[in-house]
C-alpha atoms as a PDB file:
ATOM      1  CA  MET A   1      44.246 -38.793 -11.715  1.00  0.00           C
ATOM      2  CA  ILE A   2      47.384 -38.925 -10.277  1.00  0.00           C
ATOM      3  CA  GLN A   3      48.590 -36.242 -12.731  1.00  0.00           C
ATOM      4  CA  LEU A   4      45.758 -34.151 -12.365  1.00  0.00           C
ATOM      5  CA  LEU A   5      46.326 -33.564  -8.548  1.00  0.00           C
ATOM      6  CA  CYS A   6      49.985 -33.229  -8.930  1.00  0.00           C
ATOM      7  CA  THR A   7      49.317 -30.246 -11.156  1.00  0.00           C
ATOM      8  CA  ALA A   8      46.852 -28.655  -9.468  1.00  0.00           C
ATOM      9  CA  VAL A   9      49.494 -28.932  -6.112  1.00  0.00           C
ATOM     10  CA  VAL A  10      52.339 -27.184  -8.794  1.00  0.00           C
ATOM     11  CA  VAL A  11      49.931 -24.821 -10.092  1.00  0.00           C
ATOM     12  CA  THR A  12      48.845 -23.693  -6.280  1.00  0.00           C
ATOM     13  CA  LEU A  13      52.243 -23.313  -5.607  1.00  0.00           C
ATOM     14  CA  PHE A  14      53.235 -21.460  -8.167  1.00  0.00           C
ATOM     15  CA  VAL A  15      49.985 -19.019  -7.829  1.00  0.00           C
ATOM     16  CA  GLY A  16      50.713 -18.709  -3.980  1.00  0.00           C
ATOM     17  CA  CYS A  17      54.290 -18.097  -4.442  1.00  0.00           C
ATOM     18  CA  ARG A  18      53.548 -15.222  -7.508  1.00  0.00           C
ATOM     19  CA  GLN A  19      51.200 -13.403  -5.962  1.00  0.00           C
ATOM     20  CA  GLY A  20      49.670 -15.124  -2.829  1.00  0.00           C
ATOM     21  CA  LEU A  21      46.420 -17.181  -2.320  1.00  0.00           C
ATOM     22  CA  SER A  22      44.007 -14.943  -1.623  1.00  0.00           C
ATOM     23  CA  MET A  23      41.591 -14.393  -4.691  1.00  0.00           C
ATOM     24  CA  GLU A  24      38.196 -12.680  -4.798  1.00  0.00           C
ATOM     25  CA  ILE A  25      35.562 -13.862  -6.976  1.00  0.00           C
ATOM     26  CA  ALA A  26      32.281 -12.267  -7.270  1.00  0.00           C
ATOM     27  CA  ALA A  27      29.562 -14.012  -6.531  1.00  0.00           C
ATOM     28  CA  GLY A  28      28.174 -13.693 -10.484  1.00  0.00           C
ATOM     29  CA  ASP A  29      31.222 -15.604 -11.602  1.00  0.00           C
ATOM     30  CA  TRP A  30      31.129 -18.661  -9.723  1.00  0.00           C
ATOM     31  CA  PHE A  31      28.809 -20.599 -11.755  1.00  0.00           C
ATOM     32  CA  PRO A  32      30.487 -20.025 -15.140  1.00  0.00           C
ATOM     33  CA  ILE A  33      33.349 -21.212 -13.205  1.00  0.00           C
ATOM     34  CA  LEU A  34      31.448 -24.795 -11.940  1.00  0.00           C
ATOM     35  CA  LEU A  35      30.497 -24.706 -15.560  1.00  0.00           C
ATOM     36  CA  LEU A  36      33.822 -24.942 -16.538  1.00  0.00           C
ATOM     37  CA  GLY A  37      35.052 -26.974 -14.395  1.00  0.00           C
ATOM     38  CA  LEU A  38      32.446 -29.299 -14.507  1.00  0.00           C
ATOM     39  CA  VAL A  39      32.002 -29.608 -18.163  1.00  0.00           C
ATOM     40  CA  ASN A  40      35.374 -28.894 -19.577  1.00  0.00           C
ATOM     41  CA  THR A  41      37.992 -30.915 -17.194  1.00  0.00           C
ATOM     42  CA  GLY A  42      35.031 -33.295 -15.683  1.00  0.00           C
ATOM     43  CA  VAL A  43      33.229 -34.867 -18.906  1.00  0.00           C
ATOM     44  CA  GLY A  44      36.635 -33.584 -20.978  1.00  0.00           C
ATOM     45  CA  CYS A  45      38.815 -35.995 -18.867  1.00  0.00           C
ATOM     46  CA  TYR A  46      36.390 -38.449 -18.694  1.00  0.00           C
ATOM     47  CA  CYS A  47      36.120 -38.644 -22.461  1.00  0.00           C
ATOM     48  CA  TYR A  48      40.083 -38.761 -22.877  1.00  0.00           C
ATOM     49  CA  PHE A  49      40.732 -41.339 -20.036  1.00  0.00           C
ATOM     50  CA  SER A  50      37.715 -43.510 -21.160  1.00  0.00           C
ATOM     51  CA  SER A  51      39.370 -43.766 -24.432  1.00  0.00           C
ATOM     52  CA  ILE A  52      43.211 -44.391 -23.869  1.00  0.00           C
ATOM     53  CA  GLY A  53      42.619 -48.192 -23.663  1.00  0.00           C
ATOM     54  CA  ASP A  54      41.357 -48.486 -27.062  1.00  0.00           C
ATOM     55  CA  LEU A  55      44.215 -46.616 -28.677  1.00  0.00           C
ATOM     56  CA  PRO A  56      47.649 -47.601 -29.495  1.00  0.00           C
ATOM     57  CA  ALA A  57      50.186 -45.717 -27.263  1.00  0.00           C
ATOM     58  CA  GLN A  58      52.026 -43.730 -29.882  1.00  0.00           C
ATOM     59  CA  SER A  59      48.556 -41.979 -30.739  1.00  0.00           C
ATOM     60  CA  VAL A  60      47.810 -41.489 -26.721  1.00  0.00           C
ATOM     61  CA  ALA A  61      50.983 -39.581 -27.284  1.00  0.00           C
ATOM     62  CA  VAL A  62      50.508 -37.756 -30.369  1.00  0.00           C
ATOM     63  CA  CYS A  63      47.003 -36.456 -28.574  1.00  0.00           C
ATOM     64  CA  GLY A  64      48.805 -35.166 -25.957  1.00  0.00           C
ATOM     65  CA  TYR A  65      51.469 -33.091 -27.786  1.00  0.00           C
ATOM     66  CA  LEU A  66      48.323 -31.601 -29.999  1.00  0.00           C
ATOM     67  CA  GLU A  67      46.366 -30.733 -27.381  1.00  0.00           C
ATOM     68  CA  PRO A  68      48.296 -27.653 -26.125  1.00  0.00           C
ATOM     69  CA  LEU A  69      49.008 -26.697 -30.490  1.00  0.00           C
ATOM     70  CA  SER A  70      44.839 -26.872 -30.521  1.00  0.00           C
ATOM     71  CA  ALA A  71      44.692 -24.431 -27.898  1.00  0.00           C
ATOM     72  CA  VAL A  72      47.322 -21.754 -29.193  1.00  0.00           C
ATOM     73  CA  LEU A  73      45.459 -22.011 -32.963  1.00  0.00           C
ATOM     74  CA  LEU A  74      41.911 -21.313 -31.154  1.00  0.00           C
ATOM     75  CA  SER A  75      43.687 -18.933 -29.369  1.00  0.00           C
ATOM     76  CA  VAL A  76      44.925 -17.132 -32.439  1.00  0.00           C
ATOM     77  CA  LEU A  77      41.295 -18.159 -34.405  1.00  0.00           C
ATOM     78  CA  ILE A  78      38.974 -17.217 -32.165  1.00  0.00           C
ATOM     79  CA  LEU A  79      40.734 -14.803 -29.918  1.00  0.00           C
ATOM     80  CA  HIS A  80      42.353 -13.154 -32.577  1.00  0.00           C
ATOM     81  CA  GLU A  81      45.896 -13.176 -30.749  1.00  0.00           C
ATOM     82  CA  THR A  82      48.997 -12.959 -32.676  1.00  0.00           C
ATOM     83  CA  MET A  83      51.455 -15.461 -32.798  1.00  0.00           C
ATOM     84  CA  ALA A  84      55.634 -14.217 -32.620  1.00  0.00           C
ATOM     85  CA  PRO A  85      57.934 -16.596 -35.450  1.00  0.00           C
ATOM     86  CA  LEU A  86      59.170 -18.404 -32.377  1.00  0.00           C
ATOM     87  CA  GLN A  87      55.340 -19.855 -31.893  1.00  0.00           C
ATOM     88  CA  ILE A  88      55.262 -20.807 -35.328  1.00  0.00           C
ATOM     89  CA  LEU A  89      57.998 -22.442 -35.600  1.00  0.00           C
ATOM     90  CA  GLY A  90      57.070 -24.608 -32.637  1.00  0.00           C
ATOM     91  CA  ALA A  91      53.837 -25.087 -33.857  1.00  0.00           C
ATOM     92  CA  VAL A  92      54.852 -26.210 -36.924  1.00  0.00           C
ATOM     93  CA  LEU A  93      57.584 -28.760 -35.386  1.00  0.00           C
ATOM     94  CA  ILE A  94      54.175 -29.895 -33.028  1.00  0.00           C
ATOM     95  CA  ILE A  95      52.898 -30.796 -36.355  1.00  0.00           C
ATOM     96  CA  GLY A  96      55.692 -32.328 -37.898  1.00  0.00           C
ATOM     97  CA  GLY A  97      56.441 -34.673 -34.767  1.00  0.00           C
ATOM     98  CA  ALA A  98      52.990 -35.727 -34.880  1.00  0.00           C
ATOM     99  CA  VAL A  99      52.970 -36.537 -38.319  1.00  0.00           C
ATOM    100  CA  PHE A 100      56.283 -38.637 -38.341  1.00  0.00           C
ATOM    101  CA  GLY A 101      55.150 -40.341 -34.979  1.00  0.00           C
ATOM    102  CA  GLU A 102      52.268 -41.347 -36.548  1.00  0.00           C
ATOM    103  CA  CYS A 103      53.729 -42.371 -40.219  1.00  0.00           C
ATOM    104  CA  TYR A 104      56.774 -43.751 -38.482  1.00  0.00           C
ATOM    105  CA  PHE A 105      54.995 -46.149 -36.128  1.00  0.00           C
ATOM    106  CA  ILE A 106      52.128 -47.253 -39.127  1.00  0.00           C
ATOM    107  CA  ASN A 107      51.448 -50.816 -38.369  1.00  0.00           C
ATOM    108  CA  ASP A 108      52.882 -52.472 -41.694  1.00  0.00           C
ATOM    109  CA  PRO A 109      52.016 -56.203 -41.533  1.00  0.00           C
ATOM    110  CA  ASP A 110      53.571 -57.121 -45.349  1.00  0.00           C
ATOM    111  CA  GLY A 111      56.819 -54.972 -44.632  1.00  0.00           C
ATOM    112  CA  ALA A 112      56.661 -53.245 -47.381  1.00  0.00           C
ATOM    113  CA  ASP A 113      56.590 -49.570 -45.530  1.00  0.00           C
ATOM    114  CA  PRO A 114      60.536 -49.434 -44.343  1.00  0.00           C
ATOM    115  CA  PHE A 115      59.605 -46.806 -41.538  1.00  0.00           C
ATOM    116  CA  CYS A 116      57.821 -49.763 -40.130  1.00  0.00           C
ATOM    117  CA  HIS A 117      59.104 -50.798 -36.644  1.00  0.00           C
ATOM    118  CA  ARG A 118      56.509 -52.877 -35.284  1.00  0.00           C
ATOM    119  CA  LYS A 119      56.425 -56.236 -37.257  1.00  0.00           C
END
């Protein structure tokens, strides 16, 4: 809740400094805005935050890094946006870091995995 509130404040300040706080929203646009806000943010955050307690910390951290990557990949697949080489490199690094994070902290009770640090 604190993270979402802080994000809202920072985004409001940023938008206010860049273009002012006055926005014109057509009457027909309110329903899609509210639908996205309630369904995407409300239900999505409920599902995410209610499952955090059941997952290991490194899995939650990896999911946090994969969330922006999925947004970029979906924009390429659905919106047909193009990715610059630097963006592709960033995506590869995110995937590599996620794989490394999950493989590095795998619970290995018999100690056979040299990468396991939770014995």
